[in-house]
Structures are given as structure tokens and as C-alpha cells.
């Protein structure tokens, strides 16, 4: 799964945010060994932080959202 842009994060609904929260790989995980690993890792970490902030502000994970989103896939 590819990381969303900041604009996509800002415009996403709660279910989409929950899917990203649950399924995105750890920041930089898809770029191990690449020359730009550190830059990508920092960028993705900032995006994940924004996802976490938005998700928590929307109420975080609930049993209902968990059922909609489904199991963890990484």
C-alpha cells in the first residue's frame, strides 16, 4: 500500500483514515536499501503522524470501525 499525500490525508473520511492507520507499512519499509531511504522515511513518518492525529481527533479505532476496515494487511 502506498502512502497518501498530505492533501489526501486532510480530505479523507474516517474509514479511509482507519484503513491507512491499520494497513500502511512502517515509514520507509518499502524503500530499504534505496539511496533516498532516510528522506523517504522522514517524509512517510510525518505523513503517518498526520494520519494518527486525524484518526485520534475523529475518535480513533472503535469496534464498529474495525469491522468496516477489516483485518490488518501489511
C-alpha atoms as a PDB file:
ATOM      1  CA  UNK A   1       0.000   0.000   0.000  1.00  0.00           C
ATOM      2  CA  UNK A   2       1.336   3.423  -0.983  1.00  0.00           C
ATOM      3  CA  UNK A   3       1.393   6.378   1.405  1.00  0.00           C
ATOM      4  CA  UNK A   4      -1.211   9.076   0.662  1.00  0.00           C
ATOM      5  CA  UNK A   5      -0.343  12.721   0.093  1.00  0.00           C
ATOM      6  CA  UNK A   6      -0.888  15.337   2.786  1.00  0.00           C
ATOM      7  CA  UNK A   7      -3.848  16.677   0.780  1.00  0.00           C
ATOM      8  CA  UNK A   8      -5.400  13.196   0.602  1.00  0.00           C
ATOM      9  CA  UNK A   9      -4.974  12.820   4.370  1.00  0.00           C
ATOM     10  CA  UNK A  10      -6.598  16.190   5.047  1.00  0.00           C
ATOM     11  CA  UNK A  11      -9.593  15.325   2.835  1.00  0.00           C
ATOM     12  CA  UNK A  12     -10.081  11.666   3.824  1.00  0.00           C
ATOM     13  CA  UNK A  13     -13.074  10.346   5.718  1.00  0.00           C
ATOM     14  CA  UNK A  14     -12.791   8.347   8.932  1.00  0.00           C
ATOM     15  CA  UNK A  15     -12.946   4.921   7.273  1.00  0.00           C
ATOM     16  CA  UNK A  16     -10.177   5.787   4.811  1.00  0.00           C
ATOM     17  CA  UNK A  17      -8.025   7.166   7.625  1.00  0.00           C
ATOM     18  CA  UNK A  18      -8.684   3.960   9.614  1.00  0.00           C
ATOM     19  CA  UNK A  19      -7.597   1.819   6.654  1.00  0.00           C
ATOM     20  CA  UNK A  20      -4.349   3.762   6.343  1.00  0.00           C
ATOM     21  CA  UNK A  21      -3.837   3.645  10.114  1.00  0.00           C
ATOM     22  CA  UNK A  22      -4.183  -0.112  10.121  1.00  0.00           C
ATOM     23  CA  UNK A  23      -2.578  -1.125   6.826  1.00  0.00           C
ATOM     24  CA  UNK A  24       0.232   1.231   5.831  1.00  0.00           C
ATOM     25  CA  UNK A  25       3.722  -0.234   6.238  1.00  0.00           C
ATOM     26  CA  UNK A  26       6.138   1.290   8.718  1.00  0.00           C
ATOM     27  CA  UNK A  27       7.662   4.515   7.360  1.00  0.00           C
ATOM     28  CA  UNK A  28      10.445   3.677   4.920  1.00  0.00           C
ATOM     29  CA  UNK A  29       9.741  -0.068   4.922  1.00  0.00           C
ATOM     30  CA  UNK A  30       9.173  -0.177   1.162  1.00  0.00           C
ATOM     31  CA  UNK A  31      12.405   1.709   0.476  1.00  0.00           C
ATOM     32  CA  UNK A  32      15.037  -0.259   2.401  1.00  0.00           C
ATOM     33  CA  UNK A  33      18.408  -0.123   0.675  1.00  0.00           C
ATOM     34  CA  UNK A  34      17.482   2.765  -1.607  1.00  0.00           C
ATOM     35  CA  UNK A  35      19.724   5.827  -1.785  1.00  0.00           C
ATOM     36  CA  UNK A  36      16.888   8.098  -0.643  1.00  0.00           C
ATOM     37  CA  UNK A  37      15.819   5.849   2.271  1.00  0.00           C
ATOM     38  CA  UNK A  38      16.332   8.453   5.007  1.00  0.00           C
ATOM     39  CA  UNK A  39      14.440  11.168   3.124  1.00  0.00           C
ATOM     40  CA  UNK A  40      11.537   8.853   2.301  1.00  0.00           C
ATOM     41  CA  UNK A  41      11.466   7.510   5.856  1.00  0.00           C
ATOM     42  CA  UNK A  42      11.209  11.021   7.325  1.00  0.00           C
ATOM     43  CA  UNK A  43       8.524  12.049   4.821  1.00  0.00           C
ATOM     44  CA  UNK A  44       6.434   8.935   5.478  1.00  0.00           C
ATOM     45  CA  UNK A  45       6.877   9.313   9.253  1.00  0.00           C
ATOM     46  CA  UNK A  46       5.439  12.839   9.036  1.00  0.00           C
ATOM     47  CA  UNK A  47       2.517  11.575   6.943  1.00  0.00           C
ATOM     48  CA  UNK A  48       1.846   8.773   9.447  1.00  0.00           C
ATOM     49  CA  UNK A  49       1.942  11.300  12.275  1.00  0.00           C
ATOM     50  CA  UNK A  50      -0.720  13.352  10.455  1.00  0.00           C
ATOM     51  CA  UNK A  51      -2.813  10.201   9.895  1.00  0.00           C
ATOM     52  CA  UNK A  52      -2.552   9.373  13.600  1.00  0.00           C
ATOM     53  CA  UNK A  53      -3.526  12.923  14.626  1.00  0.00           C
ATOM     54  CA  UNK A  54      -6.565  12.977  12.327  1.00  0.00           C
ATOM     55  CA  UNK A  55      -7.644   9.489  13.325  1.00  0.00           C
ATOM     56  CA  UNK A  56      -7.465  10.260  17.033  1.00  0.00           C
ATOM     57  CA  UNK A  57      -9.358  13.529  16.502  1.00  0.00           C
ATOM     58  CA  UNK A  58     -12.097  11.503  14.761  1.00  0.00           C
ATOM     59  CA  UNK A  59     -12.455   9.142  17.719  1.00  0.00           C
ATOM     60  CA  UNK A  60      -9.820   6.544  16.884  1.00  0.00           C
ATOM     61  CA  UNK A  61     -10.490   2.839  16.479  1.00  0.00           C
ATOM     62  CA  UNK A  62     -13.811   1.505  17.654  1.00  0.00           C
ATOM     63  CA  UNK A  63     -15.256  -1.989  17.222  1.00  0.00           C
ATOM     64  CA  UNK A  64     -17.560  -0.619  14.516  1.00  0.00           C
ATOM     65  CA  UNK A  65     -14.745   0.986  12.515  1.00  0.00           C
ATOM     66  CA  UNK A  66     -12.583  -2.106  12.991  1.00  0.00           C
ATOM     67  CA  UNK A  67     -15.307  -4.293  11.449  1.00  0.00           C
ATOM     68  CA  UNK A  68     -15.654  -1.943   8.463  1.00  0.00           C
ATOM     69  CA  UNK A  69     -11.908  -1.735   7.865  1.00  0.00           C
ATOM     70  CA  UNK A  70     -11.254  -5.432   8.261  1.00  0.00           C
ATOM     71  CA  UNK A  71      -8.109  -7.251   9.354  1.00  0.00           C
ATOM     72  CA  UNK A  72      -4.577  -5.919   9.297  1.00  0.00           C
ATOM     73  CA  UNK A  73      -2.760  -6.294   5.969  1.00  0.00           C
ATOM     74  CA  UNK A  74       0.895  -5.249   5.628  1.00  0.00           C
END
